[in-house]
Amino acid sequence: MVVPSHAPPRSRKTRAFGVPVIDLSLDRSKLCELIVKACEEFGFFQVENHGVSREIISGVEREGHDFFSKSACEKQRAGPPSPFGYGCKNIGFNGDKGDLEYLLLEATSHSVDERSKTISSDPTKFSCAVNNYIQAVRNLTCDILEMVAEGLWVPDKSVFSKFIEDENSDSCFRINHYPSVINDDEDWNPSPNLYNKPRIGFGEHSDPQILTILRSNNVGGLQILSKDDLWIPIPPDSDKFCVFVGDAFQVIIDLRRLNMDFK
């Protein structure tokens, strides 16, 4: 997800670097320590053995694939975004380029149920898959937030997770779809000079939320910005979730690490 920018180029380099990968099957006291350290030093980490089943992940992936495989006319029935629904746009000038289409939904069962009527020819199947995924990731997120609280020795370990566990919170569910710009048998490489085709992706930014939980397929491109101003490539791994500390959470817990910039 790295593209040449119309803005003046920045003198940042890219390097390989070991980012935290946290096995959630470890002892809880150790997990609390590792998660807080990753938040403070990187503002980012990956989790494995996260408890979100392959069945749940595959179900929502199938629904997303089925939707984005439809004709433009059919997809437009689920839009325009207001801000929720189907959207498609040419993404702009902050290091971004190319066409992006997406589904953005409120992470509540009622909203998903209603939106599914314009998204899928089988609304019950779509809403079931998405709601199961949202609930599983919400549980994962709450567990991570409670371990942050424990690691910071906060007396009430639910002080952060209560922002998420309420189904009526302002949590969102989003699927981004980027049209392919390379052949299936090619590895992704961030150099803009290797291809004559436009590169596609979001440029440098941070997220305003408490946490962003990201799962990608096996397409590369994600990079995070280190404290010493170097871009760190994150190899794709569909068995892991990426966890980003958002602007709001950084302020709430006064982390020594500033909010995570990524692209």
Protein backbone atom coordinates (compact mmCIF):
# COMPACT_ATOMS: atom_id res chain seq x y z
CA MET A 1 0.00 0.00 0.00
CA VAL A 2 2.82 2.39 -0.84
CA VAL A 3 2.69 4.77 -3.74
CA PRO A 4 4.62 7.74 -5.16
CA SER A 5 3.31 11.02 -3.81
CA HIS A 6 2.43 14.24 -5.56
CA ALA A 7 3.65 16.00 -2.43
CA PRO A 8 7.36 16.83 -2.00
CA PRO A 9 9.25 13.60 -1.26
CA ARG A 10 10.27 12.91 2.31
CA SER A 11 13.76 11.71 3.12
CA ARG A 12 12.71 8.57 4.95
CA LYS A 13 14.24 5.19 4.25
CA THR A 14 12.76 1.74 4.50
CA ARG A 15 14.43 -1.11 6.37
CA ALA A 16 13.71 -4.59 7.60
CA PHE A 17 13.18 -4.69 11.35
CA GLY A 18 11.79 -7.07 13.91
CA VAL A 19 8.40 -5.79 15.05
CA PRO A 20 6.64 -7.35 18.05
CA VAL A 21 4.70 -10.55 17.37
CA ILE A 22 2.85 -11.54 20.53
CA ASP A 23 1.59 -15.07 21.13
CA LEU A 24 -1.65 -14.71 23.07
CA SER A 25 -1.35 -18.24 24.42
CA LEU A 26 1.49 -17.16 26.74
CA ASP A 27 1.13 -16.59 30.48
CA ARG A 28 -1.12 -13.58 31.07
CA SER A 29 1.31 -11.66 33.27
CA LYS A 30 3.95 -11.98 30.56
CA LEU A 31 1.44 -10.92 27.92
CA CYS A 32 0.56 -7.76 29.85
CA GLU A 33 4.22 -6.81 29.99
CA LEU A 34 4.82 -7.51 26.29
CA ILE A 35 1.73 -5.65 25.10
CA VAL A 36 2.45 -2.51 27.13
CA LYS A 37 6.06 -2.53 25.92
CA ALA A 38 4.95 -2.89 22.29
CA CYS A 39 2.48 -0.02 22.70
CA GLU A 40 5.12 2.22 24.21
CA GLU A 41 7.98 1.39 21.86
CA PHE A 42 6.16 0.85 18.56
CA GLY A 43 2.52 1.80 18.87
CA PHE A 44 2.02 -1.40 16.89
CA PHE A 45 2.22 -5.16 17.28
CA GLN A 46 0.91 -8.36 15.73
CA VAL A 47 -0.92 -11.09 17.59
CA GLU A 48 -1.04 -14.81 16.89
CA ASN A 49 -3.09 -17.57 18.55
CA HIS A 50 -5.71 -14.84 18.87
CA GLY A 51 -8.75 -17.10 19.15
CA VAL A 52 -10.63 -15.80 16.11
CA SER A 53 -11.46 -18.99 14.26
CA ARG A 54 -10.54 -19.68 10.65
CA GLU A 55 -14.22 -20.40 9.98
CA ILE A 56 -15.25 -16.90 11.11
CA ILE A 57 -12.46 -15.25 9.10
CA SER A 58 -13.19 -17.28 5.97
CA GLY A 59 -16.89 -16.51 6.22
CA VAL A 60 -16.46 -12.75 6.18
CA GLU A 61 -13.79 -12.97 3.47
CA ARG A 62 -16.17 -14.88 1.21
CA GLU A 63 -18.88 -12.30 1.71
CA GLY A 64 -16.47 -9.47 0.92
CA HIS A 65 -15.18 -11.22 -2.19
CA ASP A 66 -18.72 -11.91 -3.39
CA PHE A 67 -19.72 -8.29 -2.96
CA PHE A 68 -16.72 -6.71 -4.68
CA SER A 69 -17.07 -9.19 -7.56
CA LYS A 70 -20.44 -7.68 -8.45
CA SER A 71 -20.97 -5.18 -11.24
CA ALA A 72 -20.56 -1.48 -10.44
CA CYS A 73 -24.30 -0.97 -10.80
CA GLU A 74 -25.09 -3.69 -8.26
CA LYS A 75 -22.55 -2.36 -5.76
CA GLN A 76 -23.92 1.16 -6.02
CA ARG A 77 -27.16 -0.09 -4.47
CA ALA A 78 -25.27 -0.20 -1.14
CA GLY A 79 -24.14 3.43 -1.46
CA PRO A 80 -23.41 6.24 -1.50
CA PRO A 81 -21.64 6.29 1.89
CA SER A 82 -23.24 8.61 4.44
CA PRO A 83 -20.66 7.87 5.87
CA PHE A 84 -21.68 4.20 6.13
CA GLY A 85 -22.29 1.99 3.13
CA TYR A 86 -20.44 1.33 -0.11
CA GLY A 87 -17.99 3.89 -1.39
CA CYS A 88 -15.56 4.13 -4.25
CA LYS A 89 -13.15 6.94 -4.95
CA ASN A 90 -9.85 7.95 -6.42
CA ILE A 91 -7.57 8.43 -3.43
CA GLY A 92 -5.60 11.56 -3.38
CA PHE A 93 -2.35 13.37 -2.81
CA ASN A 94 -0.93 12.45 0.61
CA GLY A 95 1.08 9.58 -0.78
CA ASP A 96 -2.07 7.91 -2.07
CA LYS A 97 -2.95 7.04 -5.62
CA GLY A 98 -5.38 4.87 -7.47
CA ASP A 99 -8.91 3.60 -7.09
CA LEU A 100 -10.28 2.26 -3.83
CA GLU A 101 -13.66 0.77 -3.05
CA TYR A 102 -14.86 -0.14 0.40
CA LEU A 103 -17.68 -1.14 2.68
CA LEU A 104 -17.93 0.83 5.92
CA LEU A 105 -20.45 -0.34 8.51
CA GLU A 106 -21.35 0.51 12.07
CA ALA A 107 -20.22 -2.41 14.21
CA THR A 108 -23.68 -3.12 15.63
CA SER A 109 -25.81 -6.13 14.77
CA HIS A 110 -28.88 -3.99 14.00
CA SER A 111 -26.98 -1.73 11.59
CA VAL A 112 -25.33 -4.68 9.84
CA ASP A 113 -28.68 -6.44 9.51
CA GLU A 114 -30.23 -3.36 7.89
CA ARG A 115 -27.30 -2.62 5.57
CA SER A 116 -27.07 -6.23 4.45
CA LYS A 117 -30.37 -5.85 2.58
CA THR A 118 -28.68 -3.62 -0.01
CA ILE A 119 -25.31 -5.39 0.06
CA SER A 120 -26.15 -9.06 -0.47
CA SER A 121 -28.68 -11.19 -2.30
CA ASP A 122 -28.65 -13.32 0.86
CA PRO A 123 -28.82 -10.69 3.64
CA THR A 124 -29.10 -13.23 6.45
CA LYS A 125 -25.93 -15.01 5.36
CA PHE A 126 -24.01 -11.74 4.99
CA SER A 127 -25.14 -10.29 8.31
CA CYS A 128 -24.43 -13.53 10.15
CA ALA A 129 -20.87 -13.71 8.78
CA VAL A 130 -20.11 -10.05 9.51
CA ASN A 131 -21.70 -10.00 12.97
CA ASN A 132 -19.82 -13.17 13.98
CA TYR A 133 -16.56 -11.56 12.86
CA ILE A 134 -17.30 -8.27 14.62
CA GLN A 135 -18.11 -10.04 17.88
CA ALA A 136 -14.97 -12.21 17.73
CA VAL A 137 -12.73 -9.20 17.03
CA ARG A 138 -14.51 -7.15 19.69
CA ASN A 139 -13.72 -9.90 22.22
CA LEU A 140 -10.08 -9.89 21.09
CA THR A 141 -9.89 -6.11 21.35
CA CYS A 142 -11.38 -6.06 24.83
CA ASP A 143 -8.94 -8.71 25.99
CA ILE A 144 -6.00 -6.69 24.66
CA LEU A 145 -7.28 -3.51 26.34
CA GLU A 146 -7.73 -5.31 29.65
CA MET A 147 -4.16 -6.60 29.46
CA VAL A 148 -2.95 -3.05 28.81
CA ALA A 149 -4.80 -1.94 31.95
CA GLU A 150 -3.30 -4.79 33.96
CA GLY A 151 0.18 -4.04 32.60
CA LEU A 152 -0.18 -0.40 33.63
CA TRP A 153 -1.42 -1.46 37.08
CA VAL A 154 -4.78 0.26 36.63
CA PRO A 155 -7.10 -0.93 39.45
CA ASP A 156 -10.11 -1.42 37.17
CA LYS A 157 -8.96 -3.66 34.32
CA SER A 158 -12.14 -2.88 32.34
CA VAL A 159 -11.47 0.85 32.30
CA PHE A 160 -10.44 0.75 28.62
CA SER A 161 -12.39 -2.26 27.34
CA LYS A 162 -15.72 -0.77 28.40
CA PHE A 163 -15.34 1.73 25.53
CA ILE A 164 -15.49 -1.20 23.10
CA GLU A 165 -17.60 -3.91 24.73
CA ASP A 166 -20.81 -1.89 24.51
CA GLU A 167 -22.38 -2.83 21.17
CA ASN A 168 -23.62 0.75 20.85
CA SER A 169 -20.09 2.14 20.85
CA ASP A 170 -18.86 4.01 17.79
CA SER A 171 -16.74 1.06 16.58
CA CYS A 172 -16.68 0.52 12.82
CA PHE A 173 -16.16 -2.43 10.48
CA ARG A 174 -14.48 -1.77 7.16
CA ILE A 175 -13.40 -3.84 4.16
CA ASN A 176 -11.07 -2.13 1.67
CA HIS A 177 -10.74 -3.49 -1.85
CA TYR A 178 -7.82 -2.45 -4.05
CA PRO A 179 -7.77 -3.54 -7.71
CA SER A 180 -4.68 -5.59 -8.48
CA VAL A 181 -1.76 -3.81 -10.14
CA ILE A 182 0.67 -6.75 -10.36
CA ASN A 183 0.44 -10.35 -11.50
CA ASP A 184 -0.54 -13.02 -9.01
CA ASP A 185 2.90 -14.68 -9.23
CA GLU A 186 4.79 -11.45 -8.44
CA ASP A 187 5.88 -10.36 -4.98
CA TRP A 188 4.89 -6.87 -3.92
CA ASN A 189 7.76 -4.36 -3.89
CA PRO A 190 7.36 -0.77 -2.64
CA SER A 191 9.65 0.78 -5.26
CA PRO A 192 7.54 2.99 -7.55
CA ASN A 193 10.04 2.58 -10.40
CA LEU A 194 9.44 -1.13 -10.91
CA TYR A 195 6.05 -0.74 -12.51
CA ASN A 196 4.63 1.61 -15.09
CA LYS A 197 1.17 1.12 -13.64
CA PRO A 198 -0.14 3.48 -10.94
CA ARG A 199 0.50 2.29 -7.39
CA ILE A 200 -2.48 2.01 -5.08
CA GLY A 201 -2.78 2.59 -1.36
CA PHE A 202 -3.09 4.92 1.59
CA GLY A 203 -0.16 7.21 2.30
CA GLU A 204 1.24 8.12 5.70
CA HIS A 205 -1.40 8.58 8.39
CA SER A 206 -2.44 7.62 11.90
CA ASP A 207 -5.89 6.45 13.01
CA PRO A 208 -8.00 8.47 15.47
CA GLN A 209 -9.57 5.47 17.22
CA ILE A 210 -8.61 3.68 20.42
CA LEU A 211 -7.26 0.65 18.54
CA THR A 212 -7.31 -0.43 14.93
CA ILE A 213 -7.39 -4.19 14.43
CA LEU A 214 -6.33 -5.04 10.89
CA ARG A 215 -6.28 -8.33 9.08
CA SER A 216 -4.91 -8.46 5.57
CA ASN A 217 -4.80 -11.24 3.05
CA ASN A 218 -1.37 -12.32 1.81
CA VAL A 219 -0.71 -9.11 -0.15
CA GLY A 220 2.19 -7.01 1.09
CA GLY A 221 2.63 -3.26 1.29
CA LEU A 222 1.95 -2.29 4.92
CA GLN A 223 4.70 -0.24 6.55
CA ILE A 224 4.95 1.46 9.96
CA LEU A 225 7.10 4.41 10.95
CA SER A 226 9.70 3.75 13.65
CA LYS A 227 10.76 6.20 16.34
CA ASP A 228 13.99 6.83 14.43
CA ASP A 229 12.05 7.89 11.35
CA LEU A 230 12.48 4.75 9.27
CA TRP A 231 9.73 2.87 7.47
CA ILE A 232 9.46 -0.74 8.62
CA PRO A 233 7.83 -3.19 6.18
CA ILE A 234 5.35 -5.60 7.76
CA PRO A 235 5.33 -8.94 5.92
CA PRO A 236 1.78 -10.12 5.20
CA ASP A 237 0.53 -13.01 7.32
CA SER A 238 -3.13 -13.98 7.16
CA ASP A 239 -2.82 -15.92 10.43
CA LYS A 240 -2.08 -12.77 12.45
CA PHE A 241 -3.93 -9.58 13.32
CA CYS A 242 -2.17 -6.22 13.30
CA VAL A 243 -2.90 -3.93 16.24
CA PHE A 244 -2.38 -0.17 15.93
CA VAL A 245 -2.53 2.25 18.84
CA GLY A 246 -4.87 5.07 17.80
CA ASP A 247 -4.62 8.75 18.62
CA ALA A 248 -7.39 8.61 21.22
CA PHE A 249 -5.82 5.73 23.16
CA GLN A 250 -2.41 7.35 23.10
CA VAL A 251 -3.91 10.40 24.79
CA ILE A 252 -5.98 8.38 27.27
CA ILE A 253 -3.08 6.35 28.63
CA ASP A 254 -0.34 8.95 28.00
CA LEU A 255 1.95 6.51 26.21
CA ARG A 256 5.58 7.51 25.81
CA ARG A 257 5.32 6.32 22.20
CA LEU A 258 3.46 8.79 20.03
CA ASN A 259 0.60 7.64 17.84
CA MET A 260 1.55 5.14 15.16
CA ASP A 261 1.98 6.45 11.62
CA PHE A 262 1.61 3.85 8.91
CA LYS A 263 0.94 3.47 5.21
